Amino acid sequence: MDVRTSVTTQSVEVFPLDPPPRAPSVWAGHLASDVELFGRYWPVIHNLVTQELRVRYQRSMLGFFWTMLNPLLMLATLSWVFSSLPMGEFTSYPMYLFSGMVPWSLLSNTLSESAGCIIANEGLIRKIYIPKLVFPISRVLINGVTLVLTLAAFLLLLAPMYAWPSLSYVMLPLAIVLFGAFSLGLGLVVATANTFFRDCGHLVSVFLQAWYFASPILYQASQFSSRSQWLLRLNPAYYFIELFHVIIYQGSFPSISAWLMAAGISLASLVIGYVTFKSHEDKMVFRL
């Protein structure tokens, strides 16, 4: 009599193995595919941006105007506090403060919101297929719109500050695009890290506070010694903040070297962020 033993197999949850290193041609294919998906899913991105901007202040009396008033009120407070202190030689400290503080909000808010953008959209990711790149990109666009509206409100305040628009303001769109690209690259890194290590989101807020004071927003880099200025230039945000200082505060056109430095940093940030995000994209759903 044959005796047959039955082997019961249990389903084991298996995480995908680490993908092998990708050749440059493979990364080029991924990039081309994502560019195509970006065009296809642009209505989704547009809906995420408009819905967020609409819902953010829907029950407040001033509504969408808080997008512009909030940084302007902060500007007025900081100008009143620091203008009475010996902060250095300024022709208009409020303008100097504004030209650094408002662009900084693009980086700060993008990183803070990107940290939880994948986790916050867990339900949507599990229900239907949406490229996960959509969510960090939408955060950059939301804060970019806020920045543009705040700059528009600032133009209305130039006359009370005895200042006038300069021809150099035509370079603001390029500066915003470069700073937005830099912020997106870092946002992709933060979104990836926080999806796998939830403590990263808390560390980002602490890091941003230290980074704010390490950037020439409240002060001028020229107030420090040559050695300290060299240390300030190790800060990648320094070059973007200085672009806005030159354009808005000084009313001049930045040098070609300043543009090239900002463009190089933006490109490096985008490459690092994109490679980091795409290398871990397939595993994110298991960490939600």
C-alpha atoms as a PDB file:
ATOM      1  CA  MET A   1       0.000   0.000   0.000  1.00  0.00           C
ATOM      2  CA  ASP A   2       1.504   3.273  -1.086  1.00  0.00           C
ATOM      3  CA  VAL A   3       1.606   5.971   1.480  1.00  0.00           C
ATOM      4  CA  ARG A   4       1.709   9.462   0.086  1.00  0.00           C
ATOM      5  CA  THR A   5       2.541  12.396   2.220  1.00  0.00           C
ATOM      6  CA  SER A   6       0.913  15.664   1.429  1.00  0.00           C
ATOM      7  CA  VAL A   7       2.968  18.784   1.827  1.00  0.00           C
ATOM      8  CA  THR A   8       1.063  21.863   2.717  1.00  0.00           C
ATOM      9  CA  THR A   9       2.491  25.008   1.331  1.00  0.00           C
ATOM     10  CA  GLN A  10       1.894  28.258   3.101  1.00  0.00           C
ATOM     11  CA  SER A  11       1.878  31.554   1.301  1.00  0.00           C
ATOM     12  CA  VAL A  12       4.839  33.610   2.317  1.00  0.00           C
ATOM     13  CA  GLU A  13       4.959  37.340   1.770  1.00  0.00           C
ATOM     14  CA  VAL A  14       8.003  37.991  -0.349  1.00  0.00           C
ATOM     15  CA  PHE A  15       9.450  41.425  -0.928  1.00  0.00           C
ATOM     16  CA  PRO A  16      10.937  42.060  -4.345  1.00  0.00           C
ATOM     17  CA  LEU A  17      14.675  41.707  -4.552  1.00  0.00           C
ATOM     18  CA  ASP A  18      16.875  44.711  -5.043  1.00  0.00           C
ATOM     19  CA  PRO A  19      17.012  45.479  -8.754  1.00  0.00           C
ATOM     20  CA  PRO A  20      20.386  45.097 -10.435  1.00  0.00           C
ATOM     21  CA  PRO A  21      22.322  48.257 -11.277  1.00  0.00           C
ATOM     22  CA  ARG A  22      20.778  49.937 -14.258  1.00  0.00           C
ATOM     23  CA  ALA A  23      22.742  50.925 -17.299  1.00  0.00           C
ATOM     24  CA  PRO A  24      22.520  54.517 -18.555  1.00  0.00           C
ATOM     25  CA  SER A  25      20.305  53.352 -21.424  1.00  0.00           C
ATOM     26  CA  VAL A  26      17.864  51.832 -18.918  1.00  0.00           C
ATOM     27  CA  TRP A  27      17.677  55.076 -16.952  1.00  0.00           C
ATOM     28  CA  ALA A  28      17.107  56.977 -20.189  1.00  0.00           C
ATOM     29  CA  GLY A  29      14.197  54.651 -20.929  1.00  0.00           C
ATOM     30  CA  HIS A  30      12.741  55.226 -17.471  1.00  0.00           C
ATOM     31  CA  LEU A  31      13.060  58.967 -17.894  1.00  0.00           C
ATOM     32  CA  ALA A  32      11.376  58.914 -21.300  1.00  0.00           C
ATOM     33  CA  SER A  33       8.564  56.784 -19.900  1.00  0.00           C
ATOM     34  CA  ASP A  34       8.050  59.115 -16.950  1.00  0.00           C
ATOM     35  CA  VAL A  35       7.973  62.158 -19.215  1.00  0.00           C
ATOM     36  CA  GLU A  36       5.252  60.459 -21.254  1.00  0.00           C
ATOM     37  CA  LEU A  37       3.341  59.562 -18.074  1.00  0.00           C
ATOM     38  CA  PHE A  38       3.684  63.142 -16.867  1.00  0.00           C
ATOM     39  CA  GLY A  39       1.810  64.340 -19.951  1.00  0.00           C
ATOM     40  CA  ARG A  40      -0.790  61.611 -19.646  1.00  0.00           C
ATOM     41  CA  TYR A  41      -1.417  62.227 -15.939  1.00  0.00           C
ATOM     42  CA  TRP A  42      -1.212  66.004 -16.105  1.00  0.00           C
ATOM     43  CA  PRO A  43      -4.996  66.307 -15.436  1.00  0.00           C
ATOM     44  CA  VAL A  44      -4.433  64.372 -12.193  1.00  0.00           C
ATOM     45  CA  ILE A  45      -1.620  66.728 -11.160  1.00  0.00           C
ATOM     46  CA  HIS A  46      -3.737  69.741 -12.092  1.00  0.00           C
ATOM     47  CA  ASN A  47      -6.635  68.406 -10.038  1.00  0.00           C
ATOM     48  CA  LEU A  48      -4.408  67.744  -7.009  1.00  0.00           C
ATOM     49  CA  VAL A  49      -2.994  71.276  -7.159  1.00  0.00           C
ATOM     50  CA  THR A  50      -6.304  73.090  -7.629  1.00  0.00           C
ATOM     51  CA  GLN A  51      -8.095  70.978  -5.041  1.00  0.00           C
ATOM     52  CA  GLU A  52      -5.382  71.576  -2.439  1.00  0.00           C
ATOM     53  CA  LEU A  53      -5.375  75.331  -3.043  1.00  0.00           C
ATOM     54  CA  ARG A  54      -9.176  75.434  -2.929  1.00  0.00           C
ATOM     55  CA  VAL A  55      -9.585  73.339   0.209  1.00  0.00           C
ATOM     56  CA  ARG A  56      -6.729  74.911   2.182  1.00  0.00           C
ATOM     57  CA  TYR A  57      -8.636  78.134   2.974  1.00  0.00           C
ATOM     58  CA  GLN A  58     -12.202  77.284   1.978  1.00  0.00           C
ATOM     59  CA  ARG A  59     -13.778  78.097   5.376  1.00  0.00           C
ATOM     60  CA  SER A  60     -11.746  81.207   6.197  1.00  0.00           C
ATOM     61  CA  MET A  61     -13.103  84.720   5.681  1.00  0.00           C
ATOM     62  CA  LEU A  62     -10.262  85.887   3.451  1.00  0.00           C
ATOM     63  CA  GLY A  63      -9.990  82.520   1.737  1.00  0.00           C
ATOM     64  CA  PHE A  64      -7.301  82.259  -0.910  1.00  0.00           C
ATOM     65  CA  PHE A  65      -5.876  85.677   0.017  1.00  0.00           C
ATOM     66  CA  TRP A  66      -4.193  84.058   3.022  1.00  0.00           C
ATOM     67  CA  THR A  67      -1.814  82.493   0.530  1.00  0.00           C
ATOM     68  CA  MET A  68      -0.411  85.974  -0.033  1.00  0.00           C
ATOM     69  CA  LEU A  69      -1.133  87.606   3.321  1.00  0.00           C
ATOM     70  CA  ASN A  70       0.515  84.995   5.508  1.00  0.00           C
ATOM     71  CA  PRO A  71       4.099  85.570   4.275  1.00  0.00           C
ATOM     72  CA  LEU A  72       3.495  89.314   4.064  1.00  0.00           C
ATOM     73  CA  LEU A  73       2.424  89.453   7.722  1.00  0.00           C
ATOM     74  CA  MET A  74       5.503  87.426   8.669  1.00  0.00           C
ATOM     75  CA  LEU A  75       7.619  89.827   6.626  1.00  0.00           C
ATOM     76  CA  ALA A  76       6.163  92.837   8.457  1.00  0.00           C
ATOM     77  CA  THR A  77       6.830  91.235  11.849  1.00  0.00           C
ATOM     78  CA  LEU A  78      10.433  90.279  11.105  1.00  0.00           C
ATOM     79  CA  SER A  79      11.140  93.648   9.499  1.00  0.00           C
ATOM     80  CA  TRP A  80       9.893  95.467  12.586  1.00  0.00           C
ATOM     81  CA  VAL A  81      11.972  93.285  14.912  1.00  0.00           C
ATOM     82  CA  PHE A  82      15.255  93.189  13.005  1.00  0.00           C
ATOM     83  CA  SER A  83      15.283  96.631  11.386  1.00  0.00           C
ATOM     84  CA  SER A  84      16.036  98.182  14.782  1.00  0.00           C
ATOM     85  CA  LEU A  85      19.078  95.950  15.291  1.00  0.00           C
ATOM     86  CA  PRO A  86      22.583  96.561  13.855  1.00  0.00           C
ATOM     87  CA  MET A  87      22.226  94.041  11.039  1.00  0.00           C
ATOM     88  CA  GLY A  88      24.603  95.712   8.568  1.00  0.00           C
ATOM     89  CA  GLU A  89      24.246  98.104   5.665  1.00  0.00           C
ATOM     90  CA  PHE A  90      20.857  97.800   3.989  1.00  0.00           C
ATOM     91  CA  THR A  91      19.218 100.243   1.632  1.00  0.00           C
ATOM     92  CA  SER A  92      15.873  98.596   2.468  1.00  0.00           C
ATOM     93  CA  TYR A  93      15.897  95.781   4.990  1.00  0.00           C
ATOM     94  CA  PRO A  94      12.241  94.758   4.316  1.00  0.00           C
ATOM     95  CA  MET A  95      13.060  94.244   0.637  1.00  0.00           C
ATOM     96  CA  TYR A  96      16.184  92.265   1.484  1.00  0.00           C
ATOM     97  CA  LEU A  97      14.238  90.126   3.938  1.00  0.00           C
ATOM     98  CA  PHE A  98      11.399  89.575   1.491  1.00  0.00           C
ATOM     99  CA  SER A  99      13.684  88.615  -1.393  1.00  0.00           C
ATOM    100  CA  GLY A 100      15.157  85.802   0.706  1.00  0.00           C
ATOM    101  CA  MET A 101      12.282  84.734   2.947  1.00  0.00           C
ATOM    102  CA  VAL A 102       9.604  84.221   0.289  1.00  0.00           C
ATOM    103  CA  PRO A 103      11.732  82.007  -2.006  1.00  0.00           C
ATOM    104  CA  TRP A 104      12.810  80.035   1.069  1.00  0.00           C
ATOM    105  CA  SER A 105       9.161  79.150   1.706  1.00  0.00           C
ATOM    106  CA  LEU A 106       9.156  77.242  -1.592  1.00  0.00           C
ATOM    107  CA  LEU A 107      11.969  74.970  -0.410  1.00  0.00           C
ATOM    108  CA  SER A 108      10.785  74.672   3.185  1.00  0.00           C
ATOM    109  CA  ASN A 109       7.147  73.874   2.399  1.00  0.00           C
ATOM    110  CA  THR A 110       8.058  71.507  -0.428  1.00  0.00           C
ATOM    111  CA  LEU A 111      10.333  69.404   1.771  1.00  0.00           C
ATOM    112  CA  SER A 112       7.902  69.393   4.698  1.00  0.00           C
ATOM    113  CA  GLU A 113       4.968  68.328   2.539  1.00  0.00           C
ATOM    114  CA  SER A 114       6.914  65.896   0.357  1.00  0.00           C
ATOM    115  CA  ALA A 115       7.943  63.918   3.439  1.00  0.00           C
ATOM    116  CA  GLY A 116       4.416  62.591   3.887  1.00  0.00           C
ATOM    117  CA  CYS A 117       2.977  62.873   0.377  1.00  0.00           C
ATOM    118  CA  ILE A 118       3.302  59.160  -0.440  1.00  0.00           C
ATOM    119  CA  ILE A 119       1.962  58.018   2.935  1.00  0.00           C
ATOM    120  CA  ALA A 120      -0.929  60.503   2.862  1.00  0.00           C
ATOM    121  CA  ASN A 121      -2.101  59.132  -0.500  1.00  0.00           C
ATOM    122  CA  GLU A 122      -1.910  55.456   0.525  1.00  0.00           C
ATOM    123  CA  GLY A 123      -5.594  54.845  -0.184  1.00  0.00           C
ATOM    124  CA  LEU A 124      -5.361  56.279  -3.684  1.00  0.00           C
ATOM    125  CA  ILE A 125      -2.163  54.370  -4.482  1.00  0.00           C
ATOM    126  CA  ARG A 126      -3.701  51.049  -3.416  1.00  0.00           C
ATOM    127  CA  LYS A 127      -6.930  51.556  -5.382  1.00  0.00           C
ATOM    128  CA  ILE A 128      -5.765  52.637  -8.801  1.00  0.00           C
ATOM    129  CA  TYR A 129      -2.507  52.999 -10.670  1.00  0.00           C
ATOM    130  CA  ILE A 130      -1.026  56.476 -10.407  1.00  0.00           C
ATOM    131  CA  PRO A 131       2.671  57.188 -10.922  1.00  0.00           C
ATOM    132  CA  LYS A 132       4.025  58.001  -7.481  1.00  0.00           C
ATOM    133  CA  LEU A 133       6.069  60.851  -8.954  1.00  0.00           C
ATOM    134  CA  VAL A 134       2.780  62.719  -9.299  1.00  0.00           C
ATOM    135  CA  PHE A 135       2.593  63.460  -5.581  1.00  0.00           C
ATOM    136  CA  PRO A 136       5.998  65.134  -5.009  1.00  0.00           C
ATOM    137  CA  ILE A 137       5.564  67.090  -8.250  1.00  0.00           C
ATOM    138  CA  SER A 138       2.164  68.355  -7.129  1.00  0.00           C
ATOM    139  CA  ARG A 139       3.671  69.627  -3.857  1.00  0.00           C
ATOM    140  CA  VAL A 140       6.276  71.655  -5.751  1.00  0.00           C
ATOM    141  CA  LEU A 141       3.636  73.139  -8.048  1.00  0.00           C
ATOM    142  CA  ILE A 142       1.364  74.075  -5.139  1.00  0.00           C
ATOM    143  CA  ASN A 143       4.137  75.943  -3.385  1.00  0.00           C
ATOM    144  CA  GLY A 144       5.308  77.424  -6.681  1.00  0.00           C
ATOM    145  CA  VAL A 145       1.850  78.925  -7.259  1.00  0.00           C
ATOM    146  CA  THR A 146       1.902  80.323  -3.722  1.00  0.00           C
ATOM    147  CA  LEU A 147       5.313  81.867  -4.369  1.00  0.00           C
ATOM    148  CA  VAL A 148       4.177  83.514  -7.608  1.00  0.00           C
ATOM    149  CA  LEU A 149       1.075  84.991  -5.949  1.00  0.00           C
ATOM    150  CA  THR A 150       3.131  86.296  -3.039  1.00  0.00           C
ATOM    151  CA  LEU A 151       5.579  87.954  -5.432  1.00  0.00           C
ATOM    152  CA  ALA A 152       2.624  89.522  -7.244  1.00  0.00           C
ATOM    153  CA  ALA A 153       1.341  90.936  -3.945  1.00  0.00           C
ATOM    154  CA  PHE A 154       4.831  92.223  -3.230  1.00  0.00           C
ATOM    155  CA  LEU A 155       4.770  94.345  -6.386  1.00  0.00           C
ATOM    156  CA  LEU A 156       1.808  96.220  -4.905  1.00  0.00           C
ATOM    157  CA  LEU A 157       3.875  97.062  -1.821  1.00  0.00           C
ATOM    158  CA  LEU A 158       6.842  98.514  -3.675  1.00  0.00           C
ATOM    159  CA  ALA A 159       5.470 102.057  -3.677  1.00  0.00           C
ATOM    160  CA  PRO A 160       4.909 102.215   0.136  1.00  0.00           C
ATOM    161  CA  MET A 161       8.525 101.036   0.536  1.00  0.00           C
ATOM    162  CA  TYR A 162       9.708 103.794  -1.853  1.00  0.00           C
ATOM    163  CA  ALA A 163      10.874 101.280  -4.440  1.00  0.00           C
ATOM    164  CA  TRP A 164       9.942 100.549  -8.035  1.00  0.00           C
ATOM    165  CA  PRO A 165       9.980  97.419 -10.201  1.00  0.00           C
ATOM    166  CA  SER A 166      13.272  96.818 -11.948  1.00  0.00           C
ATOM    167  CA  LEU A 167      13.916  95.407 -15.395  1.00  0.00           C
ATOM    168  CA  SER A 168      15.771  92.563 -13.687  1.00  0.00           C
ATOM    169  CA  TYR A 169      12.410  91.179 -12.499  1.00  0.00           C
ATOM    170  CA  VAL A 170      12.011  89.536 -15.908  1.00  0.00           C
ATOM    171  CA  MET A 171      14.553  86.961 -14.690  1.00  0.00           C
ATOM    172  CA  LEU A 172      12.357  85.883 -11.765  1.00  0.00           C
ATOM    173  CA  PRO A 173      10.609  83.051 -13.687  1.00  0.00           C
ATOM    174  CA  LEU A 174      13.962  81.422 -14.478  1.00  0.00           C
ATOM    175  CA  ALA A 175      15.089  81.749 -10.852  1.00  0.00           C
ATOM    176  CA  ILE A 176      11.811  80.204  -9.657  1.00  0.00           C
ATOM    177  CA  VAL A 177      12.129  77.287 -12.092  1.00  0.00           C
ATOM    178  CA  LEU A 178      15.699  76.538 -10.992  1.00  0.00           C
ATOM    179  CA  PHE A 179      14.823  76.751  -7.302  1.00  0.00           C
ATOM    180  CA  GLY A 180      11.733  74.618  -7.903  1.00  0.00           C
ATOM    181  CA  ALA A 181      13.845  71.958  -9.626  1.00  0.00           C
ATOM    182  CA  PHE A 182      16.281  71.984  -6.715  1.00  0.00           C
ATOM    183  CA  SER A 183      13.395  71.651  -4.247  1.00  0.00           C
ATOM    184  CA  LEU A 184      11.832  68.817  -6.257  1.00  0.00           C
ATOM    185  CA  GLY A 185      15.047  66.816  -6.237  1.00  0.00           C
ATOM    186  CA  LEU A 186      15.363  67.097  -2.465  1.00  0.00           C
ATOM    187  CA  GLY A 187      11.645  66.427  -2.097  1.00  0.00           C
ATOM    188  CA  LEU A 188      12.021  63.110  -3.936  1.00  0.00           C
ATOM    189  CA  VAL A 189      14.799  62.064  -1.551  1.00  0.00           C
ATOM    190  CA  VAL A 190      12.757  63.063   1.508  1.00  0.00           C
ATOM    191  CA  ALA A 191       9.603  61.343   0.219  1.00  0.00           C
ATOM    192  CA  THR A 192      11.556  58.115  -0.352  1.00  0.00           C
ATOM    193  CA  ALA A 193      13.324  58.216   3.016  1.00  0.00           C
ATOM    194  CA  ASN A 194      10.192  58.987   5.014  1.00  0.00           C
ATOM    195  CA  THR A 195       8.232  56.177   3.360  1.00  0.00           C
ATOM    196  CA  PHE A 196      10.750  53.650   4.675  1.00  0.00           C
ATOM    197  CA  PHE A 197      11.801  55.448   7.870  1.00  0.00           C
ATOM    198  CA  ARG A 198       8.982  57.459   9.435  1.00  0.00           C
ATOM    199  CA  ASP A 199      11.345  59.331  11.748  1.00  0.00           C
ATOM    200  CA  CYS A 200      12.696  61.167   8.713  1.00  0.00           C
ATOM    201  CA  GLY A 201       9.646  63.429   8.583  1.00  0.00           C
ATOM    202  CA  HIS A 202      10.336  64.713  12.095  1.00  0.00           C
ATOM    203  CA  LEU A 203      14.013  65.219  11.354  1.00  0.00           C
ATOM    204  CA  VAL A 204      13.189  67.296   8.270  1.00  0.00           C
ATOM    205  CA  SER A 205      11.468  70.001  10.320  1.00  0.00           C
ATOM    206  CA  VAL A 206      14.453  70.257  12.679  1.00  0.00           C
ATOM    207  CA  PHE A 207      16.903  70.294   9.772  1.00  0.00           C
ATOM    208  CA  LEU A 208      14.949  73.046   7.987  1.00  0.00           C
ATOM    209  CA  GLN A 209      15.102  75.314  11.030  1.00  0.00           C
ATOM    210  CA  ALA A 210      18.879  74.968  11.208  1.00  0.00           C
ATOM    211  CA  TRP A 211      19.180  75.375   7.430  1.00  0.00           C
ATOM    212  CA  TYR A 212      17.113  78.581   7.547  1.00  0.00           C
ATOM    213  CA  PHE A 213      19.535  80.296   9.909  1.00  0.00           C
ATOM    214  CA  ALA A 214      22.517  78.946   7.964  1.00  0.00           C
ATOM    215  CA  SER A 215      21.256  80.720   4.829  1.00  0.00           C
ATOM    216  CA  PRO A 216      21.727  84.484   4.186  1.00  0.00           C
ATOM    217  CA  ILE A 217      18.081  85.447   4.680  1.00  0.00           C
ATOM    218  CA  LEU A 218      18.135  87.533   7.862  1.00  0.00           C
ATOM    219  CA  TYR A 219      21.681  88.737   7.311  1.00  0.00           C
ATOM    220  CA  GLN A 220      24.186  89.466   4.565  1.00  0.00           C
ATOM    221  CA  ALA A 221      27.022  87.100   3.835  1.00  0.00           C
ATOM    222  CA  SER A 222      29.371  90.092   3.599  1.00  0.00           C
ATOM    223  CA  GLN A 223      28.931  90.688   7.344  1.00  0.00           C
ATOM    224  CA  PHE A 224      31.087  87.628   8.077  1.00  0.00           C
ATOM    225  CA  SER A 225      34.788  86.974   7.734  1.00  0.00           C
ATOM    226  CA  SER A 226      36.258  85.440   4.591  1.00  0.00           C
ATOM    227  CA  ARG A 227      36.443  82.007   6.230  1.00  0.00           C
ATOM    228  CA  SER A 228      32.822  82.167   7.365  1.00  0.00           C
ATOM    229  CA  GLN A 229      31.727  83.283   3.900  1.00  0.00           C
ATOM    230  CA  TRP A 230      33.478  80.239   2.456  1.00  0.00           C
ATOM    231  CA  LEU A 231      31.486  78.031   4.837  1.00  0.00           C
ATOM    232  CA  LEU A 232      28.262  79.757   3.816  1.00  0.00           C
ATOM    233  CA  ARG A 233      28.991  78.931   0.195  1.00  0.00           C
ATOM    234  CA  LEU A 234      28.964  75.230   1.063  1.00  0.00           C
ATOM    235  CA  ASN A 235      25.230  75.669   1.566  1.00  0.00           C
ATOM    236  CA  PRO A 236      23.547  74.843  -1.782  1.00  0.00           C
ATOM    237  CA  ALA A 237      20.571  77.093  -0.974  1.00  0.00           C
ATOM    238  CA  TYR A 238      22.969  80.037  -0.731  1.00  0.00           C
ATOM    239  CA  TYR A 239      23.244  80.383  -4.508  1.00  0.00           C
ATOM    240  CA  PHE A 240      19.482  80.434  -5.055  1.00  0.00           C
ATOM    241  CA  ILE A 241      18.816  82.918  -2.260  1.00  0.00           C
ATOM    242  CA  GLU A 242      21.512  85.174  -3.677  1.00  0.00           C
ATOM    243  CA  LEU A 243      19.868  85.017  -7.106  1.00  0.00           C
ATOM    244  CA  PHE A 244      16.676  86.474  -5.635  1.00  0.00           C
ATOM    245  CA  HIS A 245      18.655  89.030  -3.637  1.00  0.00           C
ATOM    246  CA  VAL A 246      20.378  90.284  -6.777  1.00  0.00           C
ATOM    247  CA  ILE A 247      17.180  90.372  -8.836  1.00  0.00           C
ATOM    248  CA  ILE A 248      14.761  91.836  -6.274  1.00  0.00           C
ATOM    249  CA  TYR A 249      16.861  93.660  -3.682  1.00  0.00           C
ATOM    250  CA  GLN A 250      19.705  94.955  -5.838  1.00  0.00           C
ATOM    251  CA  GLY A 251      17.620  95.297  -8.996  1.00  0.00           C
ATOM    252  CA  SER A 252      20.440  93.863 -11.097  1.00  0.00           C
ATOM    253  CA  PHE A 253      20.969  90.948 -13.422  1.00  0.00           C
ATOM    254  CA  PRO A 254      22.835  87.979 -11.891  1.00  0.00           C
ATOM    255  CA  SER A 255      26.111  87.022 -13.499  1.00  0.00           C
ATOM    256  CA  ILE A 256      26.422  84.108 -15.890  1.00  0.00           C
ATOM    257  CA  SER A 257      28.488  82.209 -13.315  1.00  0.00           C
ATOM    258  CA  ALA A 258      25.686  82.591 -10.746  1.00  0.00           C
ATOM    259  CA  TRP A 259      23.161  81.148 -13.197  1.00  0.00           C
ATOM    260  CA  LEU A 260      25.460  78.277 -14.143  1.00  0.00           C
ATOM    261  CA  MET A 261      26.101  77.428 -10.482  1.00  0.00           C
ATOM    262  CA  ALA A 262      22.377  77.416  -9.694  1.00  0.00           C
ATOM    263  CA  ALA A 263      21.599  75.348 -12.798  1.00  0.00           C
ATOM    264  CA  GLY A 264      24.308  72.810 -11.957  1.00  0.00           C
ATOM    265  CA  ILE A 265      23.057  72.390  -8.390  1.00  0.00           C
ATOM    266  CA  SER A 266      19.468  72.025  -9.609  1.00  0.00           C
ATOM    267  CA  LEU A 267      20.459  69.368 -12.134  1.00  0.00           C
ATOM    268  CA  ALA A 268      22.475  67.439  -9.555  1.00  0.00           C
ATOM    269  CA  SER A 269      19.571  67.587  -7.097  1.00  0.00           C
ATOM    270  CA  LEU A 270      17.110  66.347  -9.724  1.00  0.00           C
ATOM    271  CA  VAL A 271      19.352  63.466 -10.788  1.00  0.00           C
ATOM    272  CA  ILE A 272      20.016  62.323  -7.219  1.00  0.00           C
ATOM    273  CA  GLY A 273      16.363  62.659  -6.267  1.00  0.00           C
ATOM    274  CA  TYR A 274      15.071  60.871  -9.363  1.00  0.00           C
ATOM    275  CA  VAL A 275      17.513  57.956  -9.067  1.00  0.00           C
ATOM    276  CA  THR A 276      16.772  57.582  -5.356  1.00  0.00           C
ATOM    277  CA  PHE A 277      13.009  57.663  -5.868  1.00  0.00           C
ATOM    278  CA  LYS A 278      12.890  55.302  -8.863  1.00  0.00           C
ATOM    279  CA  SER A 279      15.270  52.816  -7.238  1.00  0.00           C
ATOM    280  CA  HIS A 280      12.827  52.323  -4.334  1.00  0.00           C
ATOM    281  CA  GLU A 281       9.508  53.045  -6.048  1.00  0.00           C
ATOM    282  CA  ASP A 282       8.483  49.389  -6.448  1.00  0.00           C
ATOM    283  CA  LYS A 283       8.955  48.696  -2.718  1.00  0.00           C
ATOM    284  CA  MET A 284       7.029  51.702  -1.431  1.00  0.00           C
ATOM    285  CA  VAL A 285       3.653  49.991  -1.512  1.00  0.00           C
ATOM    286  CA  PHE A 286       4.915  47.387   0.978  1.00  0.00           C
ATOM    287  CA  ARG A 287       5.840  50.123   3.420  1.00  0.00           C
ATOM    288  CA  LEU A 288       2.505  51.939   3.416  1.00  0.00           C
END
